Amino acid sequence: MGVQALGDDQRDVLICAVQGFSDFTSANDPYGEHDFGRVVVNGQGYFFKIDAYGLDYRYQSPDPADEAVTARVMTIMREDEY
């Protein structure tokens, strides 16, 4: 059962857990980008990853710090699906 198969209430809890994640350390965030993490919700682990694309979503953003040329995409998946 992946994230998409969760009920609305369960998915809301998961999204809130991702939004509240702040346990970034040098071990899990060596470059200080805060673009990857792991949360546990109801005993199930989930990974989240944020990628910075160019506005056409085809390639990596030329300047991820510039919102005018960057579109961000977040992926959330169960850790056992990795």
C-alpha atoms as a PDB file:
ATOM      1  CA  MET A   1       0.000   0.000   0.000  1.00  0.00           C
ATOM      2  CA  GLY A   2       1.691   3.203  -1.165  1.00  0.00           C
ATOM      3  CA  VAL A   3       1.048   6.799  -0.205  1.00  0.00           C
ATOM      4  CA  GLN A   4      -1.605   7.228  -2.895  1.00  0.00           C
ATOM      5  CA  ALA A   5      -3.591   4.314  -1.411  1.00  0.00           C
ATOM      6  CA  LEU A   6      -3.811   5.970   2.027  1.00  0.00           C
ATOM      7  CA  GLY A   7      -7.105   7.447   3.110  1.00  0.00           C
ATOM      8  CA  ASP A   8      -7.406  11.230   3.174  1.00  0.00           C
ATOM      9  CA  ASP A   9      -7.027  11.406   6.963  1.00  0.00           C
ATOM     10  CA  GLN A  10      -3.914   9.211   6.936  1.00  0.00           C
ATOM     11  CA  ARG A  11      -2.395  11.165   4.062  1.00  0.00           C
ATOM     12  CA  ASP A  12      -3.066  14.431   5.917  1.00  0.00           C
ATOM     13  CA  VAL A  13      -1.221  13.094   8.980  1.00  0.00           C
ATOM     14  CA  LEU A  14       1.707  12.064   6.766  1.00  0.00           C
ATOM     15  CA  ILE A  15       1.885  15.448   5.055  1.00  0.00           C
ATOM     16  CA  CYS A  16       1.788  17.216   8.429  1.00  0.00           C
ATOM     17  CA  ALA A  17       4.652  15.000   9.629  1.00  0.00           C
ATOM     18  CA  VAL A  18       6.715  15.917   6.550  1.00  0.00           C
ATOM     19  CA  GLN A  19       5.904  19.620   6.977  1.00  0.00           C
ATOM     20  CA  GLY A  20       6.974  19.445  10.614  1.00  0.00           C
ATOM     21  CA  PHE A  21      10.224  17.577   9.983  1.00  0.00           C
ATOM     22  CA  SER A  22      13.199  19.496  11.321  1.00  0.00           C
ATOM     23  CA  ASP A  23      15.677  16.816  12.351  1.00  0.00           C
ATOM     24  CA  PHE A  24      18.288  17.771   9.767  1.00  0.00           C
ATOM     25  CA  THR A  25      21.811  16.820  10.825  1.00  0.00           C
ATOM     26  CA  SER A  26      25.197  16.635   9.160  1.00  0.00           C
ATOM     27  CA  ALA A  27      24.610  12.887   8.808  1.00  0.00           C
ATOM     28  CA  ASN A  28      21.314  13.119   6.907  1.00  0.00           C
ATOM     29  CA  ASP A  29      21.785  16.566   5.334  1.00  0.00           C
ATOM     30  CA  PRO A  30      25.518  16.938   4.606  1.00  0.00           C
ATOM     31  CA  TYR A  31      25.049  19.868   2.188  1.00  0.00           C
ATOM     32  CA  GLY A  32      22.500  21.779   4.286  1.00  0.00           C
ATOM     33  CA  GLU A  33      19.882  21.671   1.532  1.00  0.00           C
ATOM     34  CA  HIS A  34      17.034  20.284   3.680  1.00  0.00           C
ATOM     35  CA  ASP A  35      15.728  18.380   0.657  1.00  0.00           C
ATOM     36  CA  PHE A  36      15.513  14.822   2.027  1.00  0.00           C
ATOM     37  CA  GLY A  37      14.184  13.271   5.206  1.00  0.00           C
ATOM     38  CA  ARG A  38      12.497  10.342   6.883  1.00  0.00           C
ATOM     39  CA  VAL A  39       9.390  10.391   9.038  1.00  0.00           C
ATOM     40  CA  VAL A  40       7.506   7.610  10.815  1.00  0.00           C
ATOM     41  CA  VAL A  41       3.710   7.701  10.883  1.00  0.00           C
ATOM     42  CA  ASN A  42       1.717   4.963  12.603  1.00  0.00           C
ATOM     43  CA  GLY A  43       4.788   2.728  12.666  1.00  0.00           C
ATOM     44  CA  GLN A  44       5.482   3.068   8.937  1.00  0.00           C
ATOM     45  CA  GLY A  45       8.580   4.866   7.688  1.00  0.00           C
ATOM     46  CA  TYR A  46       8.396   7.285   4.764  1.00  0.00           C
ATOM     47  CA  PHE A  47      11.075   9.119   2.810  1.00  0.00           C
ATOM     48  CA  PHE A  48      10.548  12.524   1.273  1.00  0.00           C
ATOM     49  CA  LYS A  49      12.716  14.186  -1.355  1.00  0.00           C
ATOM     50  CA  ILE A  50      12.482  17.658  -2.888  1.00  0.00           C
ATOM     51  CA  ASP A  51      13.955  18.199  -6.354  1.00  0.00           C
ATOM     52  CA  ALA A  52      14.526  21.546  -8.072  1.00  0.00           C
ATOM     53  CA  TYR A  53      13.682  21.572 -11.770  1.00  0.00           C
ATOM     54  CA  GLY A  54      13.691  24.242 -14.411  1.00  0.00           C
ATOM     55  CA  LEU A  55      10.271  25.682 -15.141  1.00  0.00           C
ATOM     56  CA  ASP A  56       9.734  23.195 -17.976  1.00  0.00           C
ATOM     57  CA  TYR A  57      10.319  20.275 -15.551  1.00  0.00           C
ATOM     58  CA  ARG A  58      12.734  18.665 -18.013  1.00  0.00           C
ATOM     59  CA  TYR A  59      16.088  19.305 -16.345  1.00  0.00           C
ATOM     60  CA  GLN A  60      17.607  20.402 -13.089  1.00  0.00           C
ATOM     61  CA  SER A  61      17.141  24.089 -12.277  1.00  0.00           C
ATOM     62  CA  PRO A  62      19.998  26.306 -13.431  1.00  0.00           C
ATOM     63  CA  ASP A  63      19.789  28.136 -10.082  1.00  0.00           C
ATOM     64  CA  PRO A  64      17.713  26.392  -7.364  1.00  0.00           C
ATOM     65  CA  ALA A  65      17.890  29.499  -5.163  1.00  0.00           C
ATOM     66  CA  ASP A  66      16.078  31.576  -7.802  1.00  0.00           C
ATOM     67  CA  GLU A  67      12.312  31.015  -7.687  1.00  0.00           C
ATOM     68  CA  ALA A  68      11.932  32.729 -11.045  1.00  0.00           C
ATOM     69  CA  VAL A  69      13.656  29.795 -12.790  1.00  0.00           C
ATOM     70  CA  THR A  70      12.866  26.941 -10.386  1.00  0.00           C
ATOM     71  CA  ALA A  71       9.935  24.568  -9.910  1.00  0.00           C
ATOM     72  CA  ARG A  72      10.117  22.264  -6.898  1.00  0.00           C
ATOM     73  CA  VAL A  73       8.697  18.740  -6.818  1.00  0.00           C
ATOM     74  CA  MET A  74       8.325  16.700  -3.641  1.00  0.00           C
ATOM     75  CA  THR A  75       8.141  12.922  -3.686  1.00  0.00           C
ATOM     76  CA  ILE A  76       6.912  11.021  -0.635  1.00  0.00           C
ATOM     77  CA  MET A  77       7.189   7.245  -0.576  1.00  0.00           C
ATOM     78  CA  ARG A  78       7.104   4.377   1.860  1.00  0.00           C
ATOM     79  CA  GLU A  79      10.622   3.384   2.792  1.00  0.00           C
ATOM     80  CA  ASP A  80       9.917  -0.276   1.971  1.00  0.00           C
ATOM     81  CA  GLU A  81       9.151   0.739  -1.618  1.00  0.00           C
ATOM     82  CA  TYR A  82      12.619   2.195  -2.143  1.00  0.00           C
END
